[in-house]
Structures are given as C-alpha cells and as structure tokens.
C-alpha cells in the first residue's frame, strides 16, 4: 500500500490570492438591473432561506470580483446558452403575468 505524501503547513505562501467561496449574491430587484461579466459555471445548492435545492450561477464581474446568482425559472434556458468562461450580460427587462398570480421576471441575455 502506498501512502500519499501530502505536505501540511500552517503558513500561507506570500502572493497567494484568497478565494472567496461564499461570494455575495446578485439580486435583480428592479427592472433594468443587470450584470456584465464572465460565467464560471453553475451548481446545485440547498437554499438556506427556503430549504429547497436550487441552481446557483457562479460569475465574475469585469474587475474580477466573484458573485453568485440564484437561477430564476426564466433563466433556465439562458443558462443553456452559456459555457464556462464566456463573457455575457443579463438584464431584468420586465415582469410577465403568470397563471399563479405572481408575475415572473423576464431577462435578456447578451453574449460577447
């Protein structure tokens, strides 16, 4: 049996960049709200607020700050157009009436 040789240290090398794994969420509250940056991927997480599984987009803005976007129902087809590393913009453009009584948010997608 071969044991792995992993070096453990309490010192972080100088010049290492800390990665924020709990990136802040972008919330599209008002019509016209938008985001421009890079798509890093998506993952399923259990919502702390609702306790249900949801898709979370991992994104980076144009200056390199990481954010998360909670996928809305109207965004599923948009995600299918995104590939890892692609530059994109998304904008909340209107509320659309639904059969359930609550309107859903409509988004426009721009690819660069």
Protein backbone atom coordinates (compact mmCIF):
# COMPACT_ATOMS: atom_id res chain seq x y z
CA UNK A 1 0.00 0.00 0.00
CA UNK A 2 1.38 3.39 -0.99
CA UNK A 3 0.72 6.24 1.39
CA UNK A 4 0.20 9.64 -0.15
CA UNK A 5 2.76 12.25 0.74
CA UNK A 6 0.90 15.46 1.40
CA UNK A 7 2.69 18.40 2.95
CA UNK A 8 0.61 20.20 5.55
CA UNK A 9 1.59 23.64 6.72
CA UNK A 10 0.07 26.45 8.70
CA UNK A 11 1.86 29.05 6.59
CA UNK A 12 0.21 30.53 3.52
CA UNK A 13 2.80 31.39 0.86
CA UNK A 14 3.21 35.10 0.13
CA UNK A 15 1.47 36.18 -3.04
CA UNK A 16 -1.32 33.59 -2.73
CA UNK A 17 -4.71 35.01 -3.64
CA UNK A 18 -7.55 34.23 -1.23
CA UNK A 19 -10.62 32.84 -2.99
CA UNK A 20 -13.98 33.93 -1.63
CA UNK A 21 -16.09 30.76 -1.67
CA UNK A 22 -19.11 32.49 -0.13
CA UNK A 23 -19.47 35.12 -2.81
CA UNK A 24 -22.27 37.67 -2.43
CA UNK A 25 -25.50 37.14 -4.33
CA UNK A 26 -26.71 39.44 -7.08
CA UNK A 27 -30.43 40.11 -6.74
CA UNK A 28 -32.34 41.53 -9.69
CA UNK A 29 -34.87 43.65 -7.74
CA UNK A 30 -35.71 46.44 -10.19
CA UNK A 31 -36.46 46.39 -13.90
CA UNK A 32 -33.26 47.46 -15.64
CA UNK A 33 -30.94 45.77 -13.11
CA UNK A 34 -28.15 44.00 -14.98
CA UNK A 35 -24.87 42.12 -14.65
CA UNK A 36 -21.91 42.07 -17.05
CA UNK A 37 -19.08 39.62 -16.56
CA UNK A 38 -17.98 36.01 -17.03
CA UNK A 39 -19.87 32.76 -16.44
CA UNK A 40 -17.79 30.39 -14.30
CA UNK A 41 -20.33 27.58 -14.06
CA UNK A 42 -23.38 26.51 -12.11
CA UNK A 43 -24.04 24.18 -9.22
CA UNK A 44 -26.94 22.90 -7.19
CA UNK A 45 -27.18 24.08 -3.57
CA UNK A 46 -29.81 23.86 -0.87
CA UNK A 47 -31.21 27.31 -0.18
CA UNK A 48 -30.56 28.49 3.38
CA UNK A 49 -33.66 30.66 3.12
CA UNK A 50 -36.15 28.15 1.65
CA UNK A 51 -34.51 24.77 2.28
CA UNK A 52 -35.02 23.71 -1.35
CA UNK A 53 -32.41 22.74 -3.93
CA UNK A 54 -31.70 25.47 -6.48
CA UNK A 55 -29.26 26.20 -9.28
CA UNK A 56 -26.64 28.81 -8.48
CA UNK A 57 -24.62 30.55 -11.16
CA UNK A 58 -21.01 31.32 -10.27
CA UNK A 59 -19.94 34.50 -12.09
CA UNK A 60 -17.14 37.06 -12.06
CA UNK A 61 -17.60 40.73 -12.87
CA UNK A 62 -15.34 42.69 -15.22
CA UNK A 63 -12.95 43.68 -12.40
CA UNK A 64 -12.58 40.11 -11.11
CA UNK A 65 -14.97 40.00 -8.14
CA UNK A 66 -16.85 36.71 -7.74
CA UNK A 67 -20.62 36.70 -7.28
CA UNK A 68 -23.45 34.18 -7.22
CA UNK A 69 -26.80 34.43 -8.98
CA UNK A 70 -29.78 32.36 -7.86
CA UNK A 71 -31.35 30.97 -11.02
CA UNK A 72 -34.96 32.02 -11.62
CA UNK A 73 -37.30 29.81 -13.66
CA UNK A 74 -37.00 32.18 -16.63
CA UNK A 75 -33.20 31.83 -16.55
CA UNK A 76 -33.00 28.06 -17.18
CA UNK A 77 -32.99 28.43 -20.97
CA UNK A 78 -30.49 31.29 -20.67
CA UNK A 79 -28.05 29.04 -18.76
CA UNK A 80 -28.18 26.55 -21.63
CA UNK A 81 -26.61 29.21 -23.87
CA UNK A 82 -23.69 29.85 -21.50
CA UNK A 83 -20.41 27.98 -21.49
CA UNK A 84 -17.72 28.22 -18.87
CA UNK A 85 -15.59 31.34 -19.30
CA UNK A 86 -17.93 33.14 -21.72
CA UNK A 87 -18.40 36.89 -21.36
CA UNK A 88 -22.07 37.78 -21.05
CA UNK A 89 -24.55 40.33 -19.76
CA UNK A 90 -28.01 39.68 -18.36
CA UNK A 91 -30.68 42.30 -17.75
CA UNK A 92 -34.03 42.13 -15.93
CA UNK A 93 -36.37 43.70 -18.51
CA UNK A 94 -39.96 43.20 -17.33
CA UNK A 95 -42.47 41.41 -15.15
CA UNK A 96 -44.71 38.99 -17.03
CA UNK A 97 -48.09 37.91 -15.58
CA UNK A 98 -48.37 34.23 -14.71
CA UNK A 99 -51.20 31.79 -14.05
CA UNK A 100 -50.07 31.51 -10.43
CA UNK A 101 -50.86 35.14 -9.71
CA UNK A 102 -47.29 36.28 -9.13
CA UNK A 103 -45.51 37.73 -12.15
CA UNK A 104 -42.22 36.20 -13.22
CA UNK A 105 -39.11 38.14 -14.17
CA UNK A 106 -38.12 38.25 -17.84
CA UNK A 107 -34.42 38.58 -18.70
CA UNK A 108 -32.46 39.45 -21.84
CA UNK A 109 -29.12 37.75 -22.48
CA UNK A 110 -26.17 39.28 -24.35
CA UNK A 111 -23.14 37.24 -25.43
CA UNK A 112 -19.79 38.79 -26.35
